[in-house]
């Protein structure tokens, strides 16, 4: 199977709008740090989905990853460590973890 490397990138504006869709109060705002953190989490999730789909296709001796391969790995993603907890989504501000704050600063650079 041909290996391509394409970086996954999410626009901050898009992530911010997606997050705001889940707020009950229209006045709720999303900080820039929260958007950066969520964009990074989405990037990791999508990259992992792509990797697992590729492995599934290879296991079936397919040269092309198809939607069926993706559908087969969805339960793995849901049950894996990449499951985004509702606690994290509902309490991402303020971020009490100093390591996460340090990671955010590294992402801004």
C-alpha atoms as a PDB file:
ATOM      1  CA  UNK A   1       0.000   0.000   0.000  1.00  0.00           C
ATOM      2  CA  UNK A   2       1.314   3.450  -0.926  1.00  0.00           C
ATOM      3  CA  UNK A   3       2.109   5.593   2.071  1.00  0.00           C
ATOM      4  CA  UNK A   4       1.199   9.255   1.915  1.00  0.00           C
ATOM      5  CA  UNK A   5       1.823  11.789   4.613  1.00  0.00           C
ATOM      6  CA  UNK A   6      -0.672  14.608   4.783  1.00  0.00           C
ATOM      7  CA  UNK A   7      -0.914  16.740   7.865  1.00  0.00           C
ATOM      8  CA  UNK A   8      -4.357  17.055   9.377  1.00  0.00           C
ATOM      9  CA  UNK A   9      -5.255  20.682  10.018  1.00  0.00           C
ATOM     10  CA  UNK A  10      -8.441  22.136  11.430  1.00  0.00           C
ATOM     11  CA  UNK A  11      -9.176  25.851  11.095  1.00  0.00           C
ATOM     12  CA  UNK A  12      -9.560  27.522  14.472  1.00  0.00           C
ATOM     13  CA  UNK A  13     -12.707  29.307  13.288  1.00  0.00           C
ATOM     14  CA  UNK A  14     -14.332  26.013  12.286  1.00  0.00           C
ATOM     15  CA  UNK A  15     -13.473  24.320  15.581  1.00  0.00           C
ATOM     16  CA  UNK A  16     -14.757  27.317  17.520  1.00  0.00           C
ATOM     17  CA  UNK A  17     -18.056  27.255  15.636  1.00  0.00           C
ATOM     18  CA  UNK A  18     -18.416  23.505  16.153  1.00  0.00           C
ATOM     19  CA  UNK A  19     -17.853  23.882  19.887  1.00  0.00           C
ATOM     20  CA  UNK A  20     -20.328  26.736  20.151  1.00  0.00           C
ATOM     21  CA  UNK A  21     -23.038  24.572  18.556  1.00  0.00           C
ATOM     22  CA  UNK A  22     -23.130  22.506  21.751  1.00  0.00           C
ATOM     23  CA  UNK A  23     -23.481  25.415  24.176  1.00  0.00           C
ATOM     24  CA  UNK A  24     -26.893  25.868  25.761  1.00  0.00           C
ATOM     25  CA  UNK A  25     -26.438  29.615  26.222  1.00  0.00           C
ATOM     26  CA  UNK A  26     -25.703  31.640  23.089  1.00  0.00           C
ATOM     27  CA  UNK A  27     -23.628  34.084  25.156  1.00  0.00           C
ATOM     28  CA  UNK A  28     -21.064  31.418  26.045  1.00  0.00           C
ATOM     29  CA  UNK A  29     -17.686  32.124  24.472  1.00  0.00           C
ATOM     30  CA  UNK A  30     -14.769  29.817  23.699  1.00  0.00           C
ATOM     31  CA  UNK A  31     -11.239  30.911  24.572  1.00  0.00           C
ATOM     32  CA  UNK A  32      -8.447  30.665  22.028  1.00  0.00           C
ATOM     33  CA  UNK A  33      -6.657  28.084  24.181  1.00  0.00           C
ATOM     34  CA  UNK A  34      -9.753  25.866  24.285  1.00  0.00           C
ATOM     35  CA  UNK A  35     -10.051  26.020  20.503  1.00  0.00           C
ATOM     36  CA  UNK A  36      -6.362  25.130  20.064  1.00  0.00           C
ATOM     37  CA  UNK A  37      -6.703  22.210  22.490  1.00  0.00           C
ATOM     38  CA  UNK A  38      -9.829  20.886  20.789  1.00  0.00           C
ATOM     39  CA  UNK A  39      -8.249  21.236  17.330  1.00  0.00           C
ATOM     40  CA  UNK A  40      -5.284  19.180  18.523  1.00  0.00           C
ATOM     41  CA  UNK A  41      -7.604  16.520  19.965  1.00  0.00           C
ATOM     42  CA  UNK A  42      -9.530  16.356  16.678  1.00  0.00           C
ATOM     43  CA  UNK A  43      -6.251  16.061  14.766  1.00  0.00           C
ATOM     44  CA  UNK A  44      -5.138  13.120  16.905  1.00  0.00           C
ATOM     45  CA  UNK A  45      -8.541  11.464  16.574  1.00  0.00           C
ATOM     46  CA  UNK A  46      -8.596  11.799  12.768  1.00  0.00           C
ATOM     47  CA  UNK A  47      -4.995  10.604  12.390  1.00  0.00           C
ATOM     48  CA  UNK A  48      -5.743   7.555  14.525  1.00  0.00           C
ATOM     49  CA  UNK A  49      -8.907   6.811  12.535  1.00  0.00           C
ATOM     50  CA  UNK A  50      -6.909   6.993   9.305  1.00  0.00           C
ATOM     51  CA  UNK A  51      -4.176   4.684  10.685  1.00  0.00           C
ATOM     52  CA  UNK A  52      -6.667   2.106  11.918  1.00  0.00           C
ATOM     53  CA  UNK A  53      -8.636   2.235   8.653  1.00  0.00           C
ATOM     54  CA  UNK A  54      -5.432   1.667   6.708  1.00  0.00           C
ATOM     55  CA  UNK A  55      -4.540  -1.335   8.886  1.00  0.00           C
ATOM     56  CA  UNK A  56      -8.038  -2.741   8.405  1.00  0.00           C
ATOM     57  CA  UNK A  57      -7.720  -2.393   4.620  1.00  0.00           C
ATOM     58  CA  UNK A  58      -4.294  -4.051   4.686  1.00  0.00           C
ATOM     59  CA  UNK A  59      -5.684  -6.935   6.757  1.00  0.00           C
ATOM     60  CA  UNK A  60      -8.276  -7.463   4.027  1.00  0.00           C
ATOM     61  CA  UNK A  61      -5.617  -7.292   1.276  1.00  0.00           C
ATOM     62  CA  UNK A  62      -7.062  -4.085  -0.146  1.00  0.00           C
ATOM     63  CA  UNK A  63      -4.927  -1.426  -1.785  1.00  0.00           C
ATOM     64  CA  UNK A  64      -7.439   1.342  -1.153  1.00  0.00           C
ATOM     65  CA  UNK A  65      -9.062   2.370   2.127  1.00  0.00           C
ATOM     66  CA  UNK A  66     -12.814   2.478   1.652  1.00  0.00           C
ATOM     67  CA  UNK A  67     -15.669   3.688   3.846  1.00  0.00           C
ATOM     68  CA  UNK A  68     -16.341   0.094   4.908  1.00  0.00           C
ATOM     69  CA  UNK A  69     -12.881  -0.094   6.495  1.00  0.00           C
ATOM     70  CA  UNK A  70     -13.584   3.097   8.392  1.00  0.00           C
ATOM     71  CA  UNK A  71     -16.965   1.807   9.547  1.00  0.00           C
ATOM     72  CA  UNK A  72     -15.341  -1.371  10.881  1.00  0.00           C
ATOM     73  CA  UNK A  73     -12.899   0.542  13.096  1.00  0.00           C
ATOM     74  CA  UNK A  74     -15.436   3.034  14.498  1.00  0.00           C
ATOM     75  CA  UNK A  75     -16.290   0.863  17.527  1.00  0.00           C
ATOM     76  CA  UNK A  76     -12.569   0.677  18.332  1.00  0.00           C
ATOM     77  CA  UNK A  77     -12.320   4.459  18.364  1.00  0.00           C
ATOM     78  CA  UNK A  78     -15.384   4.800  20.529  1.00  0.00           C
ATOM     79  CA  UNK A  79     -14.070   2.315  23.078  1.00  0.00           C
ATOM     80  CA  UNK A  80     -10.434   3.408  22.961  1.00  0.00           C
ATOM     81  CA  UNK A  81      -8.463   5.939  24.946  1.00  0.00           C
ATOM     82  CA  UNK A  82      -9.300   8.471  22.244  1.00  0.00           C
ATOM     83  CA  UNK A  83     -12.867   8.706  23.479  1.00  0.00           C
ATOM     84  CA  UNK A  84     -13.476  12.355  24.324  1.00  0.00           C
ATOM     85  CA  UNK A  85     -15.091  12.436  27.727  1.00  0.00           C
ATOM     86  CA  UNK A  86     -18.027  14.698  28.421  1.00  0.00           C
ATOM     87  CA  UNK A  87     -16.202  15.885  31.520  1.00  0.00           C
ATOM     88  CA  UNK A  88     -13.352  17.252  29.438  1.00  0.00           C
ATOM     89  CA  UNK A  89     -15.675  18.929  26.954  1.00  0.00           C
ATOM     90  CA  UNK A  90     -17.832  20.526  29.633  1.00  0.00           C
ATOM     91  CA  UNK A  91     -14.932  21.669  31.823  1.00  0.00           C
ATOM     92  CA  UNK A  92     -12.104  22.569  29.474  1.00  0.00           C
ATOM     93  CA  UNK A  93     -11.903  26.023  31.043  1.00  0.00           C
ATOM     94  CA  UNK A  94     -10.142  26.758  33.261  1.00  0.00           C
ATOM     95  CA  UNK A  95      -7.454  24.165  32.606  1.00  0.00           C
ATOM     96  CA  UNK A  96      -6.121  23.081  36.011  1.00  0.00           C
ATOM     97  CA  UNK A  97      -3.398  20.873  34.592  1.00  0.00           C
ATOM     98  CA  UNK A  98      -0.078  22.729  34.227  1.00  0.00           C
ATOM     99  CA  UNK A  99       1.183  20.209  31.641  1.00  0.00           C
ATOM    100  CA  UNK A 100      -1.781  20.885  29.343  1.00  0.00           C
ATOM    101  CA  UNK A 101      -1.147  24.619  29.633  1.00  0.00           C
ATOM    102  CA  UNK A 102       2.515  24.044  28.725  1.00  0.00           C
ATOM    103  CA  UNK A 103       1.436  21.931  25.739  1.00  0.00           C
ATOM    104  CA  UNK A 104      -0.880  24.701  24.582  1.00  0.00           C
ATOM    105  CA  UNK A 105       1.988  27.182  24.665  1.00  0.00           C
ATOM    106  CA  UNK A 106       4.082  24.803  22.554  1.00  0.00           C
ATOM    107  CA  UNK A 107       1.226  24.487  20.011  1.00  0.00           C
ATOM    108  CA  UNK A 108       1.008  28.275  19.634  1.00  0.00           C
ATOM    109  CA  UNK A 109       4.636  28.466  18.474  1.00  0.00           C
END
